[in-house]
Every structure is written in C-alpha cells, then in structure tokens.
PDB file of N, CA and C in Angstrom:
ATOM      1  N   UNK A   1      67.297 162.527 143.176  1.00  0.00           N
ATOM      2  CA  UNK A   1      67.055 163.340 141.988  1.00  0.00           C
ATOM      3  C   UNK A   1      67.414 162.575 140.717  1.00  0.00           C
ATOM      4  N   UNK A   2      68.418 161.728 140.793  1.00  0.00           N
ATOM      5  CA  UNK A   2      68.823 160.957 139.610  1.00  0.00           C
ATOM      6  C   UNK A   2      67.657 160.127 139.089  1.00  0.00           C
ATOM      7  N   UNK A   3      66.861 159.572 140.018  1.00  0.00           N
ATOM      8  CA  UNK A   3      65.740 158.729 139.628  1.00  0.00           C
ATOM      9  C   UNK A   3      64.737 159.523 138.793  1.00  0.00           C
ATOM     10  N   UNK A   4      64.439 160.744 139.201  1.00  0.00           N
ATOM     11  CA  UNK A   4      63.479 161.580 138.470  1.00  0.00           C
ATOM     12  C   UNK A   4      63.998 161.872 137.065  1.00  0.00           C
ATOM     13  N   UNK A   5      65.301 162.098 136.959  1.00  0.00           N
ATOM     14  CA  UNK A   5      65.895 162.381 135.644  1.00  0.00           C
ATOM     15  C   UNK A   5      65.764 161.155 134.739  1.00  0.00           C
ATOM     16  N   UNK A   6      66.008 159.978 135.292  1.00  0.00           N
ATOM     17  CA  UNK A   6      65.894 158.743 134.502  1.00  0.00           C
ATOM     18  C   UNK A   6      64.459 158.550 134.023  1.00  0.00           C
ATOM     19  N   UNK A   7      63.491 158.782 134.915  1.00  0.00           N
ATOM     20  CA  UNK A   7      62.080 158.630 134.546  1.00  0.00           C
ATOM     21  C   UNK A   7      61.727 159.610 133.429  1.00  0.00           C
ATOM     22  N   UNK A   8      62.221 160.840 133.549  1.00  0.00           N
ATOM     23  CA  UNK A   8      61.934 161.854 132.530  1.00  0.00           C
ATOM     24  C   UNK A   8      62.544 161.452 131.193  1.00  0.00           C
ATOM     25  N   UNK A   9      63.755 160.912 131.234  1.00  0.00           N
ATOM     26  CA  UNK A   9      64.420 160.465 129.993  1.00  0.00           C
ATOM     27  C   UNK A   9      63.606 159.358 129.328  1.00  0.00           C
ATOM     28  N   UNK A  10      63.167 158.384 130.138  1.00  0.00           N
ATOM     29  CA  UNK A  10      62.398 157.266 129.579  1.00  0.00           C
ATOM     30  C   UNK A  10      61.088 157.761 128.977  1.00  0.00           C
ATOM     31  N   UNK A  11      60.433 158.711 129.661  1.00  0.00           N
ATOM     32  CA  UNK A  11      59.171 159.257 129.153  1.00  0.00           C
ATOM     33  C   UNK A  11      59.416 159.971 127.826  1.00  0.00           C
ATOM     34  N   UNK A  12      60.507 160.731 127.746  1.00  0.00           N
ATOM     35  CA  UNK A  12      60.824 161.459 126.515  1.00  0.00           C
ATOM     36  C   UNK A  12      61.067 160.484 125.369  1.00  0.00           C
ATOM     37  N   UNK A  13      61.776 159.400 125.649  1.00  0.00           N
ATOM     38  CA  UNK A  13      62.055 158.400 124.611  1.00  0.00           C
ATOM     39  C   UNK A  13      60.754 157.754 124.147  1.00  0.00           C
ATOM     40  N   UNK A  14      59.868 157.418 125.101  1.00  0.00           N
ATOM     41  CA  UNK A  14      58.600 156.785 124.737  1.00  0.00           C
ATOM     42  C   UNK A  14      57.752 157.717 123.876  1.00  0.00           C
ATOM     43  N   UNK A  15      57.698 159.022 124.248  1.00  0.00           N
ATOM     44  CA  UNK A  15      56.932 159.981 123.452  1.00  0.00           C
ATOM     45  C   UNK A  15      57.561 160.139 122.073  1.00  0.00           C
ATOM     46  N   UNK A  16      58.902 160.069 122.019  1.00  0.00           N
ATOM     47  CA  UNK A  16      59.596 160.175 120.737  1.00  0.00           C
ATOM     48  C   UNK A  16      59.201 159.038 119.806  1.00  0.00           C
ATOM     49  N   UNK A  17      59.181 157.814 120.364  1.00  0.00           N
ATOM     50  CA  UNK A  17      58.789 156.661 119.546  1.00  0.00           C
ATOM     51  C   UNK A  17      57.334 156.801 119.111  1.00  0.00           C
ATOM     52  N   UNK A  18      56.485 157.269 120.029  1.00  0.00           N
ATOM     53  CA  UNK A  18      55.065 157.431 119.729  1.00  0.00           C
ATOM     54  C   UNK A  18      54.881 158.430 118.582  1.00  0.00           C
ATOM     55  N   UNK A  19      55.581 159.567 118.682  1.00  0.00           N
ATOM     56  CA  UNK A  19      55.476 160.606 117.654  1.00  0.00           C
ATOM     57  C   UNK A  19      56.005 160.086 116.321  1.00  0.00           C
ATOM     58  N   UNK A  20      57.117 159.347 116.354  1.00  0.00           N
ATOM     59  CA  UNK A  20      57.704 158.806 115.125  1.00  0.00           C
ATOM     60  C   UNK A  20      56.744 157.800 114.492  1.00  0.00           C
ATOM     61  N   UNK A  21      56.149 156.946 115.324  1.00  0.00           N
ATOM     62  CA  UNK A  21      55.205 155.958 114.820  1.00  0.00           C
ATOM     63  C   UNK A  21      53.980 156.621 114.207  1.00  0.00           C
ATOM     64  N   UNK A  22      53.494 157.676 114.875  1.00  0.00           N
ATOM     65  CA  UNK A  22      52.327 158.399 114.370  1.00  0.00           C
ATOM     66  C   UNK A  22      52.650 159.053 113.031  1.00  0.00           C
ATOM     67  N   UNK A  23      53.827 159.672 112.943  1.00  0.00           N
ATOM     68  CA  UNK A  23      54.251 160.322 111.702  1.00  0.00           C
ATOM     69  C   UNK A  23      54.364 159.311 110.568  1.00  0.00           C
ATOM     70  N   UNK A  24      54.960 158.159 110.869  1.00  0.00           N
ATOM     71  CA  UNK A  24      55.119 157.126 109.847  1.00  0.00           C
ATOM     72  C   UNK A  24      53.748 156.626 109.399  1.00  0.00           C
ATOM     73  N   UNK A  25      52.834 156.472 110.345  1.00  0.00           N
ATOM     74  CA  UNK A  25      51.484 156.016 110.022  1.00  0.00           C
ATOM     75  C   UNK A  25      50.784 156.996 109.084  1.00  0.00           C
ATOM     76  N   UNK A  26      50.952 158.297 109.364  1.00  0.00           N
ATOM     77  CA  UNK A  26      50.335 159.316 108.506  1.00  0.00           C
ATOM     78  C   UNK A  26      50.914 159.247 107.101  1.00  0.00           C
ATOM     79  N   UNK A  27      52.230 159.060 107.000  1.00  0.00           N
ATOM     80  CA  UNK A  27      52.882 158.984 105.687  1.00  0.00           C
ATOM     81  C   UNK A  27      52.365 157.772 104.915  1.00  0.00           C
ATOM     82  N   UNK A  28      52.257 156.629 105.603  1.00  0.00           N
ATOM     83  CA  UNK A  28      51.783 155.397 104.951  1.00  0.00           C
ATOM     84  C   UNK A  28      50.329 155.573 104.502  1.00  0.00           C
ATOM     85  N   UNK A  29      49.504 156.164 105.386  1.00  0.00           N
ATOM     86  CA  UNK A  29      48.097 156.394 105.024  1.00  0.00           C
ATOM     87  C   UNK A  29      48.005 157.341 103.834  1.00  0.00           C
ATOM     88  N   UNK A  30      48.802 158.408 103.866  1.00  0.00           N
ATOM     89  CA  UNK A  30      48.797 159.372 102.765  1.00  0.00           C
ATOM     90  C   UNK A  30      49.198 158.714 101.455  1.00  0.00           C
ATOM     91  N   UNK A  31      50.217 157.868 101.511  1.00  0.00           N
ATOM     92  CA  UNK A  31      50.678 157.178 100.306  1.00  0.00           C
ATOM     93  C   UNK A  31      49.598 156.227  99.801  1.00  0.00           C
ATOM     94  N   UNK A  32      48.947 155.510 100.721  1.00  0.00           N
ATOM     95  CA  UNK A  32      47.907 154.559 100.329  1.00  0.00           C
ATOM     96  C   UNK A  32      46.749 155.289  99.655  1.00  0.00           C
ATOM     97  N   UNK A  33      46.325 156.419 100.230  1.00  0.00           N
ATOM     98  CA  UNK A  33      45.227 157.180  99.632  1.00  0.00           C
ATOM     99  C   UNK A  33      45.655 157.770  98.294  1.00  0.00           C
ATOM    100  N   UNK A  34      46.907 158.229  98.211  1.00  0.00           N
ATOM    101  CA  UNK A  34      47.413 158.796  96.964  1.00  0.00           C
ATOM    102  C   UNK A  34      47.411 157.757  95.854  1.00  0.00           C
ATOM    103  N   UNK A  35      47.844 156.528  96.181  1.00  0.00           N
ATOM    104  CA  UNK A  35      47.877 155.454  95.182  1.00  0.00           C
ATOM    105  C   UNK A  35      46.445 155.071  94.799  1.00  0.00           C
ATOM    106  N   UNK A  36      45.553 155.053  95.794  1.00  0.00           N
ATOM    107  CA  UNK A  36      44.164 154.682  95.541  1.00  0.00           C
ATOM    108  C   UNK A  36      43.461 155.654  94.605  1.00  0.00           C
ATOM    109  N   UNK A  37      43.876 156.922  94.636  1.00  0.00           N
ATOM    110  CA  UNK A  37      43.226 157.939  93.801  1.00  0.00           C
ATOM    111  C   UNK A  37      43.725 157.914  92.367  1.00  0.00           C
ATOM    112  N   UNK A  38      44.867 157.275  92.122  1.00  0.00           N
ATOM    113  CA  UNK A  38      45.421 157.249  90.765  1.00  0.00           C
ATOM    114  C   UNK A  38      44.574 156.385  89.838  1.00  0.00           C
TER     115      UNK A  38
END
C-alpha cells in the first residue's frame, strides 16, 4: 500500500507543477497582450 501512496503523491506533485506552469503562462500571455494593446 505504501507504494500506491508514493505514486499518488508523485502524481499530485506533477499535476501541481503543471497547473502552476499553466497559470504562470496565462499571466505572462495576459501581460504580453496587455502591453501590446497600450
């Protein structure tokens, strides 16, 4: 059972990084478009 818990933890961490990266990308894109419109 410990192995399944470790796999779940690693998956959660990977999804966390993915979500954080996606959020940062959206912020950067939003800023770039905002600057472009000025």
